[in-house]
């Protein structure tokens, strides 16, 4: 897993229950071990996903950072313009 991936502390809770998912597979005729293996692989494949709420929170945080940077750039540009005007 890449270092930029979510840490265990911040990882989303996976609501997928592999044991419950294995039951219909087993009922359809798959051997228990095979059904559990398939359900386990699905769990492993979904562990790195984020929830919509986590995505929205991350985007909100980035939007705030961009807004702060834009405000700083505008303030700096106004300061530079003020200095240049005062030099005339």
Foldseek 3Di string as FASTA:
>chain_A
DDPPFDDPVPWDDDPQDQVVQLVVVVVVPDPSVVSSVVSVVVCVVCRRDDDPVVVVVVVVVVVVVVVVVVVVVVVVVVVVVVVVVVVD
